Protein backbone atom coordinates (compact mmCIF):
# COMPACT_ATOMS: atom_id res chain seq x y z
CA MET A 1 0.00 0.00 0.00
CA LEU A 2 1.31 3.46 -0.92
CA VAL A 3 0.36 6.16 1.61
CA LEU A 4 0.62 9.93 1.31
CA GLY A 5 1.18 11.70 4.63
CA ILE A 6 0.54 15.44 4.95
CA ASP A 7 1.59 17.94 7.62
CA PRO A 8 -0.56 20.91 6.52
CA GLY A 9 0.51 24.53 6.74
CA ILE A 10 0.06 27.80 4.87
CA ALA A 11 3.75 28.70 4.58
CA ILE A 12 5.03 25.13 4.46
CA THR A 13 3.06 21.94 3.84
CA GLY A 14 5.10 18.81 4.40
CA TYR A 15 4.46 15.66 2.44
CA GLY A 16 5.80 12.13 2.55
CA LEU A 17 5.04 8.98 0.63
CA VAL A 18 5.78 5.57 2.09
CA ARG A 19 5.01 2.10 0.85
CA ASP A 20 4.18 -0.95 2.95
CA GLN A 21 6.71 -3.69 2.29
CA GLY A 22 4.38 -6.38 3.55
CA GLY A 23 6.25 -6.75 6.83
CA ALA A 24 7.49 -4.51 9.59
CA ASP A 25 9.49 -2.22 7.31
CA ALA A 26 8.19 0.72 5.36
CA GLU A 27 9.88 1.99 2.21
CA LEU A 28 10.45 5.67 1.56
CA VAL A 29 9.12 6.72 -1.85
CA ALA A 30 9.38 10.53 -1.71
CA TYR A 31 9.19 13.48 0.65
CA GLY A 32 9.46 17.24 0.60
CA VAL A 33 7.56 20.45 1.16
CA ILE A 34 5.21 22.76 -0.66
CA THR A 35 6.06 26.38 0.13
CA THR A 36 4.05 29.50 -0.51
CA PRO A 37 5.54 33.00 -0.61
CA SER A 38 4.48 35.18 2.32
CA LYS A 39 4.18 38.15 -0.05
CA ASP A 40 1.28 36.44 -1.86
CA ASP A 41 -2.28 36.97 -0.69
CA LEU A 42 -4.06 34.13 1.11
CA PRO A 43 -6.22 32.97 -1.84
CA THR A 44 -3.13 32.67 -4.06
CA ARG A 45 -1.28 30.70 -1.38
CA LEU A 46 -4.24 28.37 -0.84
CA GLN A 47 -4.52 27.83 -4.58
CA LYS A 48 -0.85 26.82 -4.76
CA VAL A 49 -1.27 24.31 -1.92
CA TYR A 50 -4.38 22.86 -3.58
CA ARG A 51 -2.79 22.55 -7.01
CA ASP A 52 0.50 21.10 -5.76
CA VAL A 53 -1.20 18.51 -3.54
CA LYS A 54 -3.56 17.51 -6.36
CA GLU A 55 -0.64 17.19 -8.79
CA MET A 56 1.27 15.05 -6.30
CA VAL A 57 -1.69 12.71 -5.82
CA GLU A 58 -2.17 12.42 -9.57
CA THR A 59 1.55 11.72 -10.06
CA TYR A 60 2.09 9.13 -7.32
CA GLN A 61 -1.46 7.72 -7.12
CA PRO A 62 -1.40 6.72 -3.44
CA GLU A 63 -3.96 4.19 -2.27
CA SER A 64 -4.71 6.25 0.81
CA ALA A 65 -3.79 9.50 2.48
CA ALA A 66 -3.31 10.60 6.06
CA VAL A 67 -3.47 14.18 7.27
CA GLU A 68 -2.51 15.60 10.64
CA LYS A 69 -5.40 17.16 12.54
CA LEU A 70 -5.07 20.79 13.51
CA LEU A 71 -4.69 21.74 17.15
CA PHE A 72 -5.45 25.36 17.86
CA GLY A 73 -2.57 27.42 19.15
CA LYS A 74 -2.44 30.80 20.81
CA ASN A 75 -2.26 32.72 17.52
CA VAL A 76 -5.80 32.56 16.14
CA THR A 77 -4.88 34.25 12.85
CA THR A 78 -2.19 31.67 12.12
CA ALA A 79 -4.47 28.82 13.17
CA MET A 80 -7.17 30.04 10.78
CA ALA A 81 -4.75 30.20 7.83
CA VAL A 82 -3.37 26.74 8.63
CA GLY A 83 -6.93 25.44 8.91
CA GLN A 84 -7.72 26.83 5.49
CA ALA A 85 -4.58 25.22 4.03
CA ARG A 86 -5.62 21.96 5.66
CA GLY A 87 -9.06 22.32 4.09
CA VAL A 88 -7.76 22.78 0.55
CA THR A 89 -5.38 19.87 1.12
CA LEU A 90 -8.29 17.62 2.11
CA LEU A 91 -10.26 18.87 -0.90
CA ALA A 92 -7.41 18.20 -3.34
CA ILE A 93 -7.00 14.64 -2.09
CA ALA A 94 -10.76 14.02 -2.04
CA ASP A 95 -11.08 15.41 -5.59
CA CYS A 96 -8.69 12.65 -6.68
CA GLY A 97 -10.85 9.98 -5.03
CA VAL A 98 -8.25 8.93 -2.47
CA PRO A 99 -9.55 7.88 0.98
CA ILE A 100 -8.32 10.14 3.80
CA THR A 101 -7.72 9.36 7.46
CA GLU A 102 -6.92 12.05 10.01
CA TYR A 103 -4.67 11.68 13.04
CA THR A 104 -4.02 13.86 16.06
CA PRO A 105 -0.44 14.87 16.87
CA ALA A 106 -0.57 12.71 20.03
CA SER A 107 -1.72 9.62 18.12
CA ILE A 108 1.08 10.13 15.58
CA LYS A 109 3.66 10.39 18.35
CA GLN A 110 2.20 7.29 20.02
CA ALA A 111 2.31 5.25 16.80
CA VAL A 112 5.81 6.29 15.74
CA ALA A 113 7.68 6.82 19.01
CA GLY A 114 5.54 4.82 21.44
CA TYR A 115 4.82 7.88 23.57
CA GLY A 116 2.08 10.46 22.92
CA ASN A 117 4.16 13.34 24.27
CA ALA A 118 7.41 12.41 22.52
CA PRO A 119 9.63 15.42 21.70
CA LYS A 120 10.11 16.42 18.06
CA ALA A 121 13.74 15.20 17.99
CA GLN A 122 12.68 11.72 19.15
CA MET A 123 9.96 11.60 16.49
CA GLN A 124 12.37 12.57 13.76
CA GLU A 125 14.91 9.98 14.86
CA MET A 126 12.23 7.28 14.87
CA VAL A 127 11.20 8.27 11.33
CA ARG A 128 14.85 7.91 10.29
CA LEU A 129 15.12 4.48 11.93
CA LEU A 130 11.77 3.16 10.69
CA LEU A 131 12.61 4.12 7.10
CA ASN A 132 16.26 2.95 7.36
CA LEU A 133 17.62 6.37 6.37
CA ASP A 134 21.13 7.68 6.92
CA GLU A 135 19.86 11.10 8.02
CA ILE A 136 16.72 12.63 9.47
CA PRO A 137 14.56 13.99 6.62
CA ARG A 138 14.66 17.78 6.35
CA PRO A 139 12.95 20.12 6.74
CA ASP A 140 10.99 19.24 9.88
CA ASP A 141 7.66 19.50 8.05
CA ALA A 142 8.69 16.70 5.68
CA ALA A 143 9.77 14.47 8.58
CA ASP A 144 6.44 15.19 10.29
CA ALA A 145 4.55 14.23 7.12
CA LEU A 146 6.47 10.96 6.93
CA ALA A 147 5.48 10.28 10.55
CA VAL A 148 1.82 10.79 9.56
CA ALA A 149 2.20 8.31 6.68
CA ILE A 150 3.95 5.77 8.94
CA THR A 151 1.14 6.14 11.47
CA HIS A 152 -1.39 5.28 8.80
CA LEU A 153 0.59 2.22 7.72
CA HIS A 154 0.67 0.98 11.32
CA SER A 155 -3.05 1.65 11.70
CA ALA A 156 -3.88 -0.12 8.43
CA ARG A 157 -1.84 -3.17 9.48
CA TYR A 158 -3.67 -3.39 12.80
CA GLN A 159 -7.03 -2.98 11.07
CA GLN A 160 -6.14 -5.73 8.60
CA LEU A 161 -5.18 -8.09 11.45
CA TYR A 162 -8.41 -7.24 13.26
CA ASP A 163 -10.47 -7.89 10.13
CA GLN A 164 -8.83 -11.30 9.71
CA SER A 165 -9.62 -12.41 13.25
């Protein structure tokens, strides 16, 4: 199964694609970020996120997608813009007919690091180890997106085992 993981944002949206190898290991397919210039107005930035996510889905054709849920921070303006970027991301994936699952930051940390309050550095190191990489993926948003994709692979494996029992 090929999974697209997304860490949504208005300035930087991280993405990561991982494939299930049929066992405990996951294979890295691709990762990176979509960036939008801060000088652009919000509709233009949202349009870029939408178009780039849709193009990525059409190019890689993942079987499923996983997106990190938004937790509201102290800066309401930033949270609103991130929420809008998350919305166009969900729309782009849905427009391509790919099923989407959403995960909270704590559930991602639990699935990848074994601890729901794991620090960012521990999460990134676990992504590196789980994907058998020489270095931690950069930037952080890409590593976070890979963690989302890995979480979905783990969840799908458990669901498959449950369905077989």
